Amino acid sequence: MKLGIENRKQVIGLAVLAGIALLMVGRALWPSLPATAPVAGPMTTTVGRPGARRTASGKLVPMVEPRLDPTLDLTVLSQSEEIKYTGNGRNIFVAGSLPIEKPKGTGATDQQTALHQPPPIPPPPPITLKFFGFANRPGETKRVFLSQGEDVFIAAEGDIVDRRYRVLRISPNAVDVEDVINNNRQSLPLTQG
């Protein structure tokens, strides 16, 4: 009976493949094994204190180690609140702009100018309708005769006359009318003739 060990190269290749397969199975079953990390090149540090870095403006700022704790750190928050933006007066939104000169005075002027108030709102135009009579039959709503120049209108309470005036209330001596365009109310007295 032959065991198959006659070809020595095949046996060595099979042993190497079995070893690699055994390592892969072991890695899958125990994931806590350390992974091979890539080797980092030489790191450059800033000149000065250890744990500090230079900003774009050239100032040394202490480096903060990243934290994995998601809670709010009040000391870091208070440090960030203390930072004041000073700026240099340059408009960053315009290419090639120069720093803005700061005013040298207090900002008050020598001349005292009166505050300009808007002109008063003119009163709405008067209602030009004239009330000159009633038209009422028993059992019907009370109607009035209104005139404007040569035009005569017959209206009841709530009707709109001349597409502008609404009859609000009819009394024996007057009619209350509202100008719906200017929101103006006026009482029209009974006139003769």
C-alpha atoms as a PDB file:
ATOM      1  CA  MET A   1       0.000   0.000   0.000  1.00  0.00           C
ATOM      2  CA  LYS A   2       1.290   3.469  -0.971  1.00  0.00           C
ATOM      3  CA  LEU A   3       0.809   6.535   1.211  1.00  0.00           C
ATOM      4  CA  GLY A   4       1.585   9.147  -1.460  1.00  0.00           C
ATOM      5  CA  ILE A   5       4.785  10.412   0.056  1.00  0.00           C
ATOM      6  CA  GLU A   6       6.844   9.401  -2.911  1.00  0.00           C
ATOM      7  CA  ASN A   7       6.731  12.923  -4.411  1.00  0.00           C
ATOM      8  CA  ARG A   8       8.430  15.059  -1.795  1.00  0.00           C
ATOM      9  CA  LYS A   9       7.646  18.504  -3.444  1.00  0.00           C
ATOM     10  CA  GLN A  10       3.914  17.820  -3.440  1.00  0.00           C
ATOM     11  CA  VAL A  11       3.929  16.899   0.239  1.00  0.00           C
ATOM     12  CA  ILE A  12       5.784  20.084   1.252  1.00  0.00           C
ATOM     13  CA  GLY A  13       3.369  22.279  -0.819  1.00  0.00           C
ATOM     14  CA  LEU A  14       0.388  20.538   0.754  1.00  0.00           C
ATOM     15  CA  ALA A  15       1.798  21.117   4.268  1.00  0.00           C
ATOM     16  CA  VAL A  16       2.328  24.847   3.592  1.00  0.00           C
ATOM     17  CA  LEU A  17      -1.232  25.229   2.253  1.00  0.00           C
ATOM     18  CA  ALA A  18      -2.637  23.370   5.263  1.00  0.00           C
ATOM     19  CA  GLY A  19      -0.726  25.706   7.619  1.00  0.00           C
ATOM     20  CA  ILE A  20      -2.079  28.816   5.867  1.00  0.00           C
ATOM     21  CA  ALA A  21      -5.624  27.415   5.971  1.00  0.00           C
ATOM     22  CA  LEU A  22      -5.204  26.667   9.683  1.00  0.00           C
ATOM     23  CA  LEU A  23      -4.107  30.277  10.353  1.00  0.00           C
ATOM     24  CA  MET A  24      -7.105  31.680   8.414  1.00  0.00           C
ATOM     25  CA  VAL A  25      -9.566  29.512  10.353  1.00  0.00           C
ATOM     26  CA  GLY A  26      -7.915  30.497  13.642  1.00  0.00           C
ATOM     27  CA  ARG A  27      -8.140  34.209  12.761  1.00  0.00           C
ATOM     28  CA  ALA A  28     -11.850  33.898  11.867  1.00  0.00           C
ATOM     29  CA  LEU A  29     -12.642  32.110  15.129  1.00  0.00           C
ATOM     30  CA  TRP A  30     -10.624  34.489  17.359  1.00  0.00           C
ATOM     31  CA  PRO A  31     -11.075  38.035  16.004  1.00  0.00           C
ATOM     32  CA  SER A  32      -9.405  39.606  19.059  1.00  0.00           C
ATOM     33  CA  LEU A  33      -6.001  38.642  17.746  1.00  0.00           C
ATOM     34  CA  PRO A  34      -4.037  41.748  16.806  1.00  0.00           C
ATOM     35  CA  ALA A  35      -4.056  42.570  13.118  1.00  0.00           C
ATOM     36  CA  THR A  36      -0.851  43.398  11.412  1.00  0.00           C
ATOM     37  CA  ALA A  37      -0.700  47.188  11.303  1.00  0.00           C
ATOM     38  CA  PRO A  38       1.031  48.938   8.422  1.00  0.00           C
ATOM     39  CA  VAL A  39       4.373  50.301   9.393  1.00  0.00           C
ATOM     40  CA  ALA A  40       4.290  54.081   9.584  1.00  0.00           C
ATOM     41  CA  GLY A  41       7.173  56.118   8.246  1.00  0.00           C
ATOM     42  CA  PRO A  42       9.192  58.452  10.402  1.00  0.00           C
ATOM     43  CA  MET A  43       6.978  61.131  11.964  1.00  0.00           C
ATOM     44  CA  THR A  44       8.014  64.781  12.073  1.00  0.00           C
ATOM     45  CA  THR A  45       7.213  66.843  15.131  1.00  0.00           C
ATOM     46  CA  THR A  46       7.121  70.588  15.572  1.00  0.00           C
ATOM     47  CA  VAL A  47       9.976  72.305  17.237  1.00  0.00           C
ATOM     48  CA  GLY A  48       9.075  73.379  20.743  1.00  0.00           C
ATOM     49  CA  ARG A  49       7.166  71.699  23.493  1.00  0.00           C
ATOM     50  CA  PRO A  50       6.052  68.109  22.992  1.00  0.00           C
ATOM     51  CA  GLY A  51       2.334  67.838  22.327  1.00  0.00           C
ATOM     52  CA  ALA A  52       2.074  71.199  20.543  1.00  0.00           C
ATOM     53  CA  ARG A  53       1.438  72.078  16.925  1.00  0.00           C
ATOM     54  CA  ARG A  54       1.664  75.196  14.813  1.00  0.00           C
ATOM     55  CA  THR A  55      -1.447  76.837  13.324  1.00  0.00           C
ATOM     56  CA  ALA A  56      -1.567  78.469   9.884  1.00  0.00           C
ATOM     57  CA  SER A  57      -0.710  81.814  11.462  1.00  0.00           C
ATOM     58  CA  GLY A  58       2.366  80.290  13.127  1.00  0.00           C
ATOM     59  CA  LYS A  59       1.206  80.196  16.755  1.00  0.00           C
ATOM     60  CA  LEU A  60       1.937  77.169  18.915  1.00  0.00           C
ATOM     61  CA  VAL A  61      -1.267  75.507  20.099  1.00  0.00           C
ATOM     62  CA  PRO A  62      -1.394  72.521  22.465  1.00  0.00           C
ATOM     63  CA  MET A  63      -2.487  69.342  20.743  1.00  0.00           C
ATOM     64  CA  VAL A  64      -5.562  67.694  22.154  1.00  0.00           C
ATOM     65  CA  GLU A  65      -5.597  63.940  22.184  1.00  0.00           C
ATOM     66  CA  PRO A  66      -8.772  62.584  20.560  1.00  0.00           C
ATOM     67  CA  ARG A  67     -11.253  61.100  23.011  1.00  0.00           C
ATOM     68  CA  LEU A  68     -13.595  58.224  22.485  1.00  0.00           C
ATOM     69  CA  ASP A  69     -15.876  59.363  25.316  1.00  0.00           C
ATOM     70  CA  PRO A  70     -19.009  60.973  23.757  1.00  0.00           C
ATOM     71  CA  THR A  71     -19.926  63.003  26.879  1.00  0.00           C
ATOM     72  CA  LEU A  72     -19.581  66.760  26.850  1.00  0.00           C
ATOM     73  CA  ASP A  73     -16.297  68.011  28.254  1.00  0.00           C
ATOM     74  CA  LEU A  74     -17.013  71.369  29.867  1.00  0.00           C
ATOM     75  CA  THR A  75     -13.360  72.395  30.061  1.00  0.00           C
ATOM     76  CA  VAL A  76     -12.898  72.047  26.306  1.00  0.00           C
ATOM     77  CA  LEU A  77     -16.164  73.916  25.767  1.00  0.00           C
ATOM     78  CA  SER A  78     -15.108  76.795  28.018  1.00  0.00           C
ATOM     79  CA  GLN A  79     -11.748  76.995  26.228  1.00  0.00           C
ATOM     80  CA  SER A  80     -13.476  77.301  22.871  1.00  0.00           C
ATOM     81  CA  GLU A  81     -15.831  80.003  24.212  1.00  0.00           C
ATOM     82  CA  GLU A  82     -12.879  82.114  25.357  1.00  0.00           C
ATOM     83  CA  ILE A  83     -11.449  82.420  21.840  1.00  0.00           C
ATOM     84  CA  LYS A  84     -12.110  85.896  20.441  1.00  0.00           C
ATOM     85  CA  TYR A  85     -11.989  86.555  16.721  1.00  0.00           C
ATOM     86  CA  THR A  86      -9.864  89.609  16.167  1.00  0.00           C
ATOM     87  CA  GLY A  87      -9.464  89.535  12.407  1.00  0.00           C
ATOM     88  CA  ASN A  88      -7.469  92.094  10.503  1.00  0.00           C
ATOM     89  CA  GLY A  89     -10.282  94.023   8.844  1.00  0.00           C
ATOM     90  CA  ARG A  90      -9.775  92.462   5.429  1.00  0.00           C
ATOM     91  CA  ASN A  91     -12.868  91.472   3.451  1.00  0.00           C
ATOM     92  CA  ILE A  92     -12.384  87.760   2.819  1.00  0.00           C
ATOM     93  CA  PHE A  93     -15.083  87.698   0.147  1.00  0.00           C
ATOM     94  CA  VAL A  94     -13.274  90.057  -2.228  1.00  0.00           C
ATOM     95  CA  ALA A  95     -10.047  88.914  -3.854  1.00  0.00           C
ATOM     96  CA  GLY A  96      -7.132  91.220  -3.151  1.00  0.00           C
ATOM     97  CA  SER A  97      -8.987  93.472  -0.749  1.00  0.00           C
ATOM     98  CA  LEU A  98      -7.036  95.604   1.690  1.00  0.00           C
ATOM     99  CA  PRO A  99      -7.651  95.840   5.427  1.00  0.00           C
ATOM    100  CA  ILE A 100     -10.446  98.224   6.367  1.00  0.00           C
ATOM    101  CA  GLU A 101      -9.354 101.302   8.275  1.00  0.00           C
ATOM    102  CA  LYS A 102     -10.981 101.631  11.649  1.00  0.00           C
ATOM    103  CA  PRO A 103     -12.687 104.970  12.402  1.00  0.00           C
ATOM    104  CA  LYS A 104     -10.717 107.174  14.746  1.00  0.00           C
ATOM    105  CA  GLY A 105     -13.606 109.137  16.285  1.00  0.00           C
ATOM    106  CA  THR A 106     -16.477 108.141  18.525  1.00  0.00           C
ATOM    107  CA  GLY A 107     -18.870 107.919  15.612  1.00  0.00           C
ATOM    108  CA  ALA A 108     -20.942 110.935  16.685  1.00  0.00           C
ATOM    109  CA  THR A 109     -21.303 113.787  14.216  1.00  0.00           C
ATOM    110  CA  ASP A 110     -21.116 117.480  14.991  1.00  0.00           C
ATOM    111  CA  GLN A 111     -24.371 118.291  13.223  1.00  0.00           C
ATOM    112  CA  GLN A 112     -27.562 117.324  14.913  1.00  0.00           C
ATOM    113  CA  THR A 113     -30.049 116.390  12.222  1.00  0.00           C
ATOM    114  CA  ALA A 114     -33.736 116.211  12.964  1.00  0.00           C
ATOM    115  CA  LEU A 115     -35.270 112.802  12.632  1.00  0.00           C
ATOM    116  CA  HIS A 116     -37.233 112.542   9.449  1.00  0.00           C
ATOM    117  CA  GLN A 117     -40.745 111.426  10.144  1.00  0.00           C
ATOM    118  CA  PRO A 118     -42.907 110.094   7.363  1.00  0.00           C
ATOM    119  CA  PRO A 119     -45.602 112.442   6.133  1.00  0.00           C
ATOM    120  CA  PRO A 120     -48.982 111.972   7.818  1.00  0.00           C
ATOM    121  CA  ILE A 121     -51.346 109.543   6.144  1.00  0.00           C
ATOM    122  CA  PRO A 122     -53.968 111.484   4.212  1.00  0.00           C
ATOM    123  CA  PRO A 123     -57.567 110.917   5.300  1.00  0.00           C
ATOM    124  CA  PRO A 124     -59.615 108.633   3.063  1.00  0.00           C
ATOM    125  CA  PRO A 125     -61.745 110.366   0.450  1.00  0.00           C
ATOM    126  CA  PRO A 126     -65.308 111.187   1.543  1.00  0.00           C
ATOM    127  CA  ILE A 127     -68.156 109.002   0.336  1.00  0.00           C
ATOM    128  CA  THR A 128     -69.926 110.871  -2.479  1.00  0.00           C
ATOM    129  CA  LEU A 129     -73.278 109.060  -2.234  1.00  0.00           C
ATOM    130  CA  LYS A 130     -76.426 110.992  -1.276  1.00  0.00           C
ATOM    131  CA  PHE A 131     -79.349 109.406   0.592  1.00  0.00           C
ATOM    132  CA  PHE A 132     -82.697 110.769  -0.623  1.00  0.00           C
ATOM    133  CA  GLY A 133     -85.463 108.264   0.136  1.00  0.00           C
ATOM    134  CA  PHE A 134     -86.922 104.886   1.182  1.00  0.00           C
ATOM    135  CA  ALA A 135     -88.518 102.098  -0.798  1.00  0.00           C
ATOM    136  CA  ASN A 136     -90.330  99.723   1.520  1.00  0.00           C
ATOM    137  CA  ARG A 137     -93.353  97.518   1.041  1.00  0.00           C
ATOM    138  CA  PRO A 138     -95.021  95.531   3.800  1.00  0.00           C
ATOM    139  CA  GLY A 139     -93.257  92.185   4.363  1.00  0.00           C
ATOM    140  CA  GLU A 140     -90.147  93.137   2.367  1.00  0.00           C
ATOM    141  CA  THR A 141     -86.782  94.368   3.558  1.00  0.00           C
ATOM    142  CA  LYS A 142     -86.282  98.099   3.830  1.00  0.00           C
ATOM    143  CA  ARG A 143     -84.524  99.616   0.810  1.00  0.00           C
ATOM    144  CA  VAL A 144     -83.026 103.065   0.258  1.00  0.00           C
ATOM    145  CA  PHE A 145     -82.445 105.314  -2.753  1.00  0.00           C
ATOM    146  CA  LEU A 146     -78.866 106.509  -3.114  1.00  0.00           C
ATOM    147  CA  SER A 147     -77.520 108.792  -5.821  1.00  0.00           C
ATOM    148  CA  GLN A 148     -74.086 109.639  -7.116  1.00  0.00           C
ATOM    149  CA  GLY A 149     -74.138 112.319  -9.769  1.00  0.00           C
ATOM    150  CA  GLU A 150     -76.691 111.169 -12.376  1.00  0.00           C
ATOM    151  CA  ASP A 151     -76.712 107.497 -11.196  1.00  0.00           C
ATOM    152  CA  VAL A 152     -79.442 106.242  -8.819  1.00  0.00           C
ATOM    153  CA  PHE A 153     -79.022 103.044  -6.779  1.00  0.00           C
ATOM    154  CA  ILE A 154     -81.582 101.036  -4.778  1.00  0.00           C
ATOM    155  CA  ALA A 155     -79.987  98.998  -1.969  1.00  0.00           C
ATOM    156  CA  ALA A 156     -80.867  97.030   1.181  1.00  0.00           C
ATOM    157  CA  GLU A 157     -78.702  96.382   4.243  1.00  0.00           C
ATOM    158  CA  GLY A 158     -75.590  94.378   3.258  1.00  0.00           C
ATOM    159  CA  ASP A 159     -75.762  95.271  -0.472  1.00  0.00           C
ATOM    160  CA  ILE A 160     -72.762  96.720  -2.306  1.00  0.00           C
ATOM    161  CA  VAL A 161     -73.406  99.828  -4.392  1.00  0.00           C
ATOM    162  CA  ASP A 162     -71.257 100.936  -7.348  1.00  0.00           C
ATOM    163  CA  ARG A 163     -68.829  98.024  -6.636  1.00  0.00           C
ATOM    164  CA  ARG A 164     -67.317 100.082  -3.821  1.00  0.00           C
ATOM    165  CA  TYR A 165     -69.788 101.026  -1.067  1.00  0.00           C
ATOM    166  CA  ARG A 166     -71.527  98.612   1.334  1.00  0.00           C
ATOM    167  CA  VAL A 167     -74.790  99.600   3.061  1.00  0.00           C
ATOM    168  CA  LEU A 168     -74.302  98.678   6.731  1.00  0.00           C
ATOM    169  CA  ARG A 169     -77.435  99.970   8.529  1.00  0.00           C
ATOM    170  CA  ILE A 170     -80.587 101.771   7.526  1.00  0.00           C
ATOM    171  CA  SER A 171     -82.243 104.086  10.085  1.00  0.00           C
ATOM    172  CA  PRO A 172     -85.156 106.552   9.583  1.00  0.00           C
ATOM    173  CA  ASN A 173     -82.867 109.615   9.374  1.00  0.00           C
ATOM    174  CA  ALA A 174     -79.546 108.249   8.023  1.00  0.00           C
ATOM    175  CA  VAL A 175     -77.783 105.369   6.291  1.00  0.00           C
ATOM    176  CA  ASP A 176     -74.416 103.996   7.458  1.00  0.00           C
ATOM    177  CA  VAL A 177     -72.177 103.213   4.451  1.00  0.00           C
ATOM    178  CA  GLU A 178     -68.675 101.706   4.302  1.00  0.00           C
ATOM    179  CA  ASP A 179     -66.127 102.316   1.548  1.00  0.00           C
ATOM    180  CA  VAL A 180     -64.713  98.785   1.147  1.00  0.00           C
ATOM    181  CA  ILE A 181     -61.630  99.969  -0.780  1.00  0.00           C
ATOM    182  CA  ASN A 182     -60.415 102.542   1.778  1.00  0.00           C
ATOM    183  CA  ASN A 183     -62.055 100.940   4.847  1.00  0.00           C
ATOM    184  CA  ASN A 184     -63.866 104.219   5.580  1.00  0.00           C
ATOM    185  CA  ARG A 185     -67.274 104.418   7.307  1.00  0.00           C
ATOM    186  CA  GLN A 186     -69.636 107.354   7.034  1.00  0.00           C
ATOM    187  CA  SER A 187     -73.230 108.147   7.965  1.00  0.00           C
ATOM    188  CA  LEU A 188     -75.270 109.727   5.150  1.00  0.00           C
ATOM    189  CA  PRO A 189     -78.152 111.938   6.396  1.00  0.00           C
ATOM    190  CA  LEU A 190     -81.547 112.087   4.647  1.00  0.00           C
ATOM    191  CA  THR A 191     -81.549 115.007   2.170  1.00  0.00           C
ATOM    192  CA  GLN A 192     -84.527 116.661   0.512  1.00  0.00           C
ATOM    193  CA  GLY A 193     -84.872 116.991  -3.239  1.00  0.00           C
END
